N, C-alpha and C. Protein backbone atom coordinates (compact mmCIF):
# COMPACT_ATOMS: atom_id res chain seq x y z
N UNK A 1 5.75 1.91 6.87
CA UNK A 1 4.84 1.51 5.68
C UNK A 1 5.61 0.76 4.74
N UNK A 2 6.80 1.17 4.35
CA UNK A 2 7.70 0.42 3.52
C UNK A 2 7.95 -0.97 3.84
N UNK A 3 8.19 -1.29 5.14
CA UNK A 3 8.42 -2.51 5.72
C UNK A 3 7.07 -3.32 5.57
N UNK A 4 5.94 -2.69 5.80
CA UNK A 4 4.74 -3.39 5.55
C UNK A 4 4.56 -3.97 4.29
N UNK A 5 4.78 -3.10 3.15
CA UNK A 5 4.67 -3.44 1.83
C UNK A 5 5.62 -4.60 1.54
N UNK A 6 6.83 -4.54 2.01
CA UNK A 6 7.84 -5.70 1.82
C UNK A 6 7.34 -7.03 2.47
N UNK A 7 6.75 -6.84 3.74
CA UNK A 7 6.32 -8.02 4.43
C UNK A 7 5.05 -8.63 3.67
N UNK A 8 4.11 -7.77 3.27
CA UNK A 8 2.98 -8.26 2.61
C UNK A 8 3.27 -8.85 1.20
N UNK A 9 4.23 -8.37 0.57
CA UNK A 9 4.56 -8.90 -0.78
C UNK A 9 5.39 -10.30 -0.48
N UNK A 10 6.26 -10.35 0.42
CA UNK A 10 6.85 -11.60 0.74
C UNK A 10 5.96 -12.71 1.16
N UNK A 11 4.86 -12.22 1.88
CA UNK A 11 3.83 -13.25 2.44
C UNK A 11 2.80 -13.64 1.16
N UNK A 12 2.84 -12.98 0.06
CA UNK A 12 1.98 -13.12 -1.10
C UNK A 12 0.60 -12.42 -1.00
N UNK A 13 0.50 -11.53 0.02
CA UNK A 13 -0.61 -10.70 0.14
C UNK A 13 -0.66 -9.62 -0.91
N UNK A 14 0.44 -9.21 -1.34
CA UNK A 14 0.56 -8.26 -2.43
C UNK A 14 1.25 -9.27 -3.54
N UNK A 15 0.53 -9.68 -4.65
CA UNK A 15 0.95 -10.77 -5.53
C UNK A 15 1.69 -10.19 -6.72
N UNK A 16 2.01 -8.97 -6.83
CA UNK A 16 2.60 -8.40 -8.05
C UNK A 16 3.72 -7.45 -7.56
N UNK A 17 4.94 -7.86 -7.96
CA UNK A 17 6.17 -7.15 -7.63
C UNK A 17 6.11 -5.60 -8.15
N UNK A 18 5.65 -5.44 -9.29
CA UNK A 18 5.55 -4.12 -9.88
C UNK A 18 4.62 -3.29 -9.11
N UNK A 19 3.52 -3.79 -8.58
CA UNK A 19 2.73 -2.94 -7.69
C UNK A 19 3.27 -2.64 -6.37
N UNK A 20 3.94 -3.69 -5.79
CA UNK A 20 4.76 -3.42 -4.59
C UNK A 20 5.76 -2.28 -4.81
N UNK A 21 6.40 -2.38 -5.86
CA UNK A 21 7.57 -1.35 -6.14
C UNK A 21 6.93 0.06 -6.34
N UNK A 22 5.74 0.17 -7.08
CA UNK A 22 5.04 1.41 -7.36
C UNK A 22 4.62 1.95 -5.91
N UNK A 23 4.07 1.08 -5.13
CA UNK A 23 3.54 1.58 -3.82
C UNK A 23 4.65 2.17 -2.89
N UNK A 24 5.82 1.45 -3.04
CA UNK A 24 7.04 1.97 -2.22
C UNK A 24 7.49 3.30 -2.74
N UNK A 25 7.42 3.40 -4.12
CA UNK A 25 7.85 4.74 -4.85
C UNK A 25 7.00 5.83 -4.42
N UNK A 26 5.66 5.55 -4.20
CA UNK A 26 4.71 6.62 -3.88
C UNK A 26 4.95 7.09 -2.49
N UNK A 27 5.23 6.05 -1.61
CA UNK A 27 5.60 6.46 -0.25
C UNK A 27 6.87 7.27 -0.13
N UNK A 28 7.86 6.71 -0.90
CA UNK A 28 9.17 7.41 -0.79
C UNK A 28 9.01 8.94 -1.29
N UNK A 29 8.10 9.25 -2.18
CA UNK A 29 7.88 10.54 -2.63
C UNK A 29 6.95 11.40 -1.78
N UNK A 30 6.32 10.62 -0.80
CA UNK A 30 5.34 11.31 0.07
C UNK A 30 4.07 11.50 -0.41
N UNK A 31 3.62 10.90 -1.53
CA UNK A 31 2.51 11.01 -2.22
C UNK A 31 1.45 9.99 -1.66
N UNK A 32 1.01 10.29 -0.34
CA UNK A 32 0.17 9.36 0.44
C UNK A 32 -1.30 9.41 -0.25
N UNK A 33 -1.78 10.40 -0.85
CA UNK A 33 -3.07 10.35 -1.45
C UNK A 33 -3.15 9.35 -2.61
N UNK A 34 -2.10 9.50 -3.41
CA UNK A 34 -1.94 8.58 -4.61
C UNK A 34 -1.69 7.12 -4.07
N UNK A 35 -1.06 6.95 -3.01
CA UNK A 35 -0.87 5.64 -2.46
C UNK A 35 -2.14 5.03 -2.14
N UNK A 36 -3.03 5.82 -1.47
CA UNK A 36 -4.34 5.31 -0.96
C UNK A 36 -5.30 4.91 -2.20
N UNK A 37 -5.19 5.85 -3.11
CA UNK A 37 -5.90 5.44 -4.45
C UNK A 37 -5.45 4.24 -5.12
N UNK A 38 -4.19 4.06 -5.19
CA UNK A 38 -3.53 2.80 -5.76
C UNK A 38 -3.94 1.63 -5.11
N UNK A 39 -3.88 1.73 -3.68
CA UNK A 39 -4.25 0.49 -2.96
C UNK A 39 -5.69 0.20 -3.03
N UNK A 40 -6.58 1.25 -3.04
CA UNK A 40 -7.97 0.98 -3.29
C UNK A 40 -8.26 0.27 -4.63
N UNK A 41 -7.58 0.73 -5.63
CA UNK A 41 -7.72 0.29 -7.02
C UNK A 41 -7.30 -1.22 -7.08
N UNK A 42 -6.35 -1.67 -6.35
CA UNK A 42 -5.81 -3.03 -6.36
C UNK A 42 -6.40 -3.93 -5.27
N UNK A 43 -7.06 -3.38 -4.34
CA UNK A 43 -7.78 -4.17 -3.35
C UNK A 43 -8.70 -5.24 -3.91
N UNK A 44 -8.35 -6.43 -3.40
CA UNK A 44 -9.07 -7.67 -3.94
C UNK A 44 -8.61 -8.10 -5.31
N UNK A 45 -7.75 -7.36 -5.82
CA UNK A 45 -7.11 -7.86 -7.16
C UNK A 45 -5.69 -8.38 -6.91
N UNK A 46 -4.83 -7.50 -6.76
CA UNK A 46 -3.42 -7.89 -6.48
C UNK A 46 -3.10 -7.62 -5.03
N UNK A 47 -3.87 -6.97 -4.38
CA UNK A 47 -3.67 -6.84 -2.79
C UNK A 47 -4.76 -7.46 -2.02
N UNK A 48 -4.56 -8.42 -1.22
CA UNK A 48 -5.53 -9.18 -0.52
C UNK A 48 -6.24 -8.06 0.30
N UNK A 49 -7.62 -8.07 0.32
CA UNK A 49 -8.47 -7.01 0.96
C UNK A 49 -8.15 -6.69 2.38
N UNK A 50 -8.03 -7.66 3.24
CA UNK A 50 -7.72 -7.19 4.64
C UNK A 50 -6.38 -6.48 4.70
N UNK A 51 -5.46 -6.79 4.00
CA UNK A 51 -4.12 -6.25 4.08
C UNK A 51 -4.15 -4.84 3.38
N UNK A 52 -4.93 -4.81 2.29
CA UNK A 52 -5.17 -3.44 1.70
C UNK A 52 -5.74 -2.52 2.75
N UNK A 53 -6.72 -2.94 3.48
CA UNK A 53 -7.38 -2.07 4.58
C UNK A 53 -6.41 -1.63 5.56
N UNK A 54 -5.33 -2.60 5.94
CA UNK A 54 -4.42 -2.13 6.88
C UNK A 54 -3.51 -0.98 6.28
N UNK A 55 -3.08 -1.02 5.01
CA UNK A 55 -2.30 -0.10 4.42
C UNK A 55 -3.11 1.30 4.29
N UNK A 56 -4.34 1.17 3.90
CA UNK A 56 -5.13 2.35 3.76
C UNK A 56 -5.31 3.07 5.09
N UNK A 57 -5.64 2.28 6.12
CA UNK A 57 -5.78 2.79 7.46
C UNK A 57 -4.55 3.59 7.90
N UNK A 58 -3.40 3.10 7.75
CA UNK A 58 -2.21 3.62 8.27
C UNK A 58 -1.87 4.90 7.40
N UNK A 59 -2.09 4.77 6.04
CA UNK A 59 -1.80 6.03 5.19
C UNK A 59 -2.88 7.12 5.52
N UNK A 60 -4.06 6.72 5.78
CA UNK A 60 -4.98 7.89 6.04
C UNK A 60 -4.63 8.38 7.49
N UNK A 61 -4.06 7.68 8.47
CA UNK A 61 -3.75 8.18 9.67
C UNK A 61 -2.55 9.22 9.54
N UNK A 62 -1.57 8.76 8.62
CA UNK A 62 -0.51 9.81 8.33
C UNK A 62 -0.98 10.97 7.67
N UNK A 63 -1.91 10.84 6.74
CA UNK A 63 -2.51 12.02 6.00
C UNK A 63 -3.12 12.93 7.04
N UNK A 64 -3.80 12.36 7.99
CA UNK A 64 -4.59 13.20 8.86
C UNK A 64 -3.76 13.96 9.95
N UNK A 65 -2.44 13.53 10.04
CA UNK A 65 -1.59 14.07 11.02
C UNK A 65 -0.41 14.79 10.37
N UNK A 66 -0.57 15.29 9.26
CA UNK A 66 0.50 15.98 8.52
C UNK A 66 0.64 17.35 9.12
């Protein structure tokens, strides 16, 4: 997931470095629920909608398999 955030940020699909760093921090701390909420809040704003959906899908998968 960290690599996806880096890749999406480099490609411009996450257009704010502060948001990308915050998402990485949430992942590093294992706070997946906050991560999903943050991605949903930024979807269509600073995170391109289709790529936000990828991040949400993957995080929800991890949440459901804890």
